[in-house]
C-alpha atoms as a PDB file:
ATOM      1  CA  UNK A   1      48.222  51.849  41.376  1.00  0.00           C
ATOM      2  CA  UNK A   2      49.364  49.163  38.927  1.00  0.00           C
ATOM      3  CA  UNK A   3      47.546  48.232  35.715  1.00  0.00           C
ATOM      4  CA  UNK A   4      45.989  45.325  37.634  1.00  0.00           C
ATOM      5  CA  UNK A   5      44.585  47.664  40.268  1.00  0.00           C
ATOM      6  CA  UNK A   6      47.121  46.708  42.949  1.00  0.00           C
ATOM      7  CA  UNK A   7      48.199  49.661  45.102  1.00  0.00           C
ATOM      8  CA  UNK A   8      51.788  50.778  44.555  1.00  0.00           C
ATOM      9  CA  UNK A   9      54.122  53.176  46.343  1.00  0.00           C
ATOM     10  CA  UNK A  10      55.373  56.515  44.946  1.00  0.00           C
ATOM     11  CA  UNK A  11      58.073  54.749  42.930  1.00  0.00           C
ATOM     12  CA  UNK A  12      55.476  52.616  41.169  1.00  0.00           C
ATOM     13  CA  UNK A  13      56.577  49.460  42.973  1.00  0.00           C
ATOM     14  CA  UNK A  14      54.107  47.192  44.715  1.00  0.00           C
ATOM     15  CA  UNK A  15      54.311  47.614  48.470  1.00  0.00           C
ATOM     16  CA  UNK A  16      55.587  44.514  50.339  1.00  0.00           C
ATOM     17  CA  UNK A  17      52.587  44.570  52.698  1.00  0.00           C
ATOM     18  CA  UNK A  18      50.279  44.493  49.690  1.00  0.00           C
ATOM     19  CA  UNK A  19      52.129  41.497  48.221  1.00  0.00           C
ATOM     20  CA  UNK A  20      51.876  39.644  51.524  1.00  0.00           C
ATOM     21  CA  UNK A  21      48.164  40.484  51.755  1.00  0.00           C
ATOM     22  CA  UNK A  22      47.480  39.278  48.221  1.00  0.00           C
ATOM     23  CA  UNK A  23      49.491  36.115  48.819  1.00  0.00           C
ATOM     24  CA  UNK A  24      47.639  35.436  52.074  1.00  0.00           C
ATOM     25  CA  UNK A  25      44.303  35.973  50.344  1.00  0.00           C
ATOM     26  CA  UNK A  26      45.224  33.582  47.537  1.00  0.00           C
ATOM     27  CA  UNK A  27      46.477  30.992  50.030  1.00  0.00           C
ATOM     28  CA  UNK A  28      43.219  31.158  51.962  1.00  0.00           C
ATOM     29  CA  UNK A  29      41.171  30.921  48.739  1.00  0.00           C
ATOM     30  CA  UNK A  30      43.211  27.923  47.555  1.00  0.00           C
ATOM     31  CA  UNK A  31      42.643  26.228  50.904  1.00  0.00           C
ATOM     32  CA  UNK A  32      38.882  26.735  50.609  1.00  0.00           C
ATOM     33  CA  UNK A  33      38.871  25.417  47.052  1.00  0.00           C
ATOM     34  CA  UNK A  34      40.864  22.361  48.114  1.00  0.00           C
ATOM     35  CA  UNK A  35      38.393  21.584  50.917  1.00  0.00           C
ATOM     36  CA  UNK A  36      35.422  21.527  48.545  1.00  0.00           C
ATOM     37  CA  UNK A  37      34.781  17.952  47.478  1.00  0.00           C
ATOM     38  CA  UNK A  38      34.452  17.350  43.753  1.00  0.00           C
ATOM     39  CA  UNK A  39      32.159  14.579  42.607  1.00  0.00           C
ATOM     40  CA  UNK A  40      34.221  12.972  39.845  1.00  0.00           C
ATOM     41  CA  UNK A  41      31.813  10.072  39.158  1.00  0.00           C
ATOM     42  CA  UNK A  42      29.161  12.190  37.360  1.00  0.00           C
ATOM     43  CA  UNK A  43      31.886  13.595  35.084  1.00  0.00           C
ATOM     44  CA  UNK A  44      32.869  10.053  34.162  1.00  0.00           C
ATOM     45  CA  UNK A  45      29.256   8.955  33.608  1.00  0.00           C
ATOM     46  CA  UNK A  46      28.588  11.922  31.342  1.00  0.00           C
ATOM     47  CA  UNK A  47      31.821  11.193  29.410  1.00  0.00           C
ATOM     48  CA  UNK A  48      33.359  14.561  30.317  1.00  0.00           C
ATOM     49  CA  UNK A  49      36.448  12.727  31.576  1.00  0.00           C
ATOM     50  CA  UNK A  50      37.967   9.405  30.540  1.00  0.00           C
ATOM     51  CA  UNK A  51      37.953   6.355  32.801  1.00  0.00           C
ATOM     52  CA  UNK A  52      41.722   6.377  33.227  1.00  0.00           C
ATOM     53  CA  UNK A  53      41.700  10.029  34.302  1.00  0.00           C
ATOM     54  CA  UNK A  54      38.802   9.321  36.647  1.00  0.00           C
ATOM     55  CA  UNK A  55      40.707   6.466  38.315  1.00  0.00           C
ATOM     56  CA  UNK A  56      43.770   8.642  38.812  1.00  0.00           C
ATOM     57  CA  UNK A  57      42.001  11.785  40.056  1.00  0.00           C
ATOM     58  CA  UNK A  58      39.457  10.010  42.265  1.00  0.00           C
ATOM     59  CA  UNK A  59      42.305   8.376  44.180  1.00  0.00           C
ATOM     60  CA  UNK A  60      44.738  11.303  44.145  1.00  0.00           C
ATOM     61  CA  UNK A  61      42.134  13.863  45.219  1.00  0.00           C
ATOM     62  CA  UNK A  62      41.268  11.957  48.397  1.00  0.00           C
ATOM     63  CA  UNK A  63      44.897  11.734  49.563  1.00  0.00           C
ATOM     64  CA  UNK A  64      46.483  13.998  52.146  1.00  0.00           C
ATOM     65  CA  UNK A  65      49.091  16.449  50.879  1.00  0.00           C
ATOM     66  CA  UNK A  66      51.856  14.210  52.232  1.00  0.00           C
ATOM     67  CA  UNK A  67      50.390  11.159  50.476  1.00  0.00           C
ATOM     68  CA  UNK A  68      50.112  13.171  47.268  1.00  0.00           C
ATOM     69  CA  UNK A  69      53.802  14.113  47.475  1.00  0.00           C
ATOM     70  CA  UNK A  70      54.751  10.460  47.882  1.00  0.00           C
ATOM     71  CA  UNK A  71      52.467   9.410  45.036  1.00  0.00           C
ATOM     72  CA  UNK A  72      54.006  12.039  42.760  1.00  0.00           C
ATOM     73  CA  UNK A  73      57.429  10.482  43.351  1.00  0.00           C
ATOM     74  CA  UNK A  74      56.123   7.127  42.127  1.00  0.00           C
ATOM     75  CA  UNK A  75      53.589   8.076  39.452  1.00  0.00           C
ATOM     76  CA  UNK A  76      54.174  11.781  38.812  1.00  0.00           C
ATOM     77  CA  UNK A  77      54.048  11.751  35.023  1.00  0.00           C
ATOM     78  CA  UNK A  78      50.725   9.908  34.984  1.00  0.00           C
ATOM     79  CA  UNK A  79      49.215  12.261  37.579  1.00  0.00           C
ATOM     80  CA  UNK A  80      50.390  15.375  35.762  1.00  0.00           C
ATOM     81  CA  UNK A  81      49.014  14.047  32.451  1.00  0.00           C
ATOM     82  CA  UNK A  82      45.655  13.472  34.129  1.00  0.00           C
ATOM     83  CA  UNK A  83      45.620  16.972  35.634  1.00  0.00           C
ATOM     84  CA  UNK A  84      46.406  18.465  32.217  1.00  0.00           C
ATOM     85  CA  UNK A  85      43.681  16.352  30.583  1.00  0.00           C
ATOM     86  CA  UNK A  86      41.214  17.632  33.169  1.00  0.00           C
ATOM     87  CA  UNK A  87      42.081  21.282  32.500  1.00  0.00           C
ATOM     88  CA  UNK A  88      41.371  20.701  28.821  1.00  0.00           C
ATOM     89  CA  UNK A  89      38.143  18.720  29.164  1.00  0.00           C
ATOM     90  CA  UNK A  90      36.331  20.495  32.029  1.00  0.00           C
ATOM     91  CA  UNK A  91      34.400  23.738  31.576  1.00  0.00           C
ATOM     92  CA  UNK A  92      33.118  24.149  35.148  1.00  0.00           C
ATOM     93  CA  UNK A  93      34.919  27.021  36.906  1.00  0.00           C
ATOM     94  CA  UNK A  94      34.725  25.453  40.385  1.00  0.00           C
ATOM     95  CA  UNK A  95      36.210  22.167  39.183  1.00  0.00           C
ATOM     96  CA  UNK A  96      38.901  23.938  37.145  1.00  0.00           C
ATOM     97  CA  UNK A  97      39.922  25.943  40.210  1.00  0.00           C
ATOM     98  CA  UNK A  98      40.132  22.699  42.178  1.00  0.00           C
ATOM     99  CA  UNK A  99      42.331  21.087  39.508  1.00  0.00           C
ATOM    100  CA  UNK A 100      44.578  24.181  39.379  1.00  0.00           C
ATOM    101  CA  UNK A 101      45.055  24.001  43.146  1.00  0.00           C
ATOM    102  CA  UNK A 102      46.070  20.354  42.765  1.00  0.00           C
ATOM    103  CA  UNK A 103      48.516  21.343  40.022  1.00  0.00           C
ATOM    104  CA  UNK A 104      49.990  24.051  42.247  1.00  0.00           C
ATOM    105  CA  UNK A 105      50.571  21.464  44.963  1.00  0.00           C
ATOM    106  CA  UNK A 106      52.618  19.410  42.483  1.00  0.00           C
ATOM    107  CA  UNK A 107      55.209  22.176  42.226  1.00  0.00           C
END
């Protein structure tokens, strides 16, 4: 067992089946997080996020993954700045997870 509680084989290495299982679990969780709609407007109204960031994320978040990829090619720096701003300004765990999933999709 590793320090993180992940089962390991006799050599202390993490078993490949375990890695695949963990990866599958994370992929499924990320998919569920992505499907949960985030209401960005109340965050703007309560001044948790700035208007510019709201405009960027409200549009970007409603795009398909393919549309997001195309948008990143055109306006990637602006989108990444907005995602970073959101990770700094938001304290809600659900919303932060959603933003992190969007960041992961940028890579």
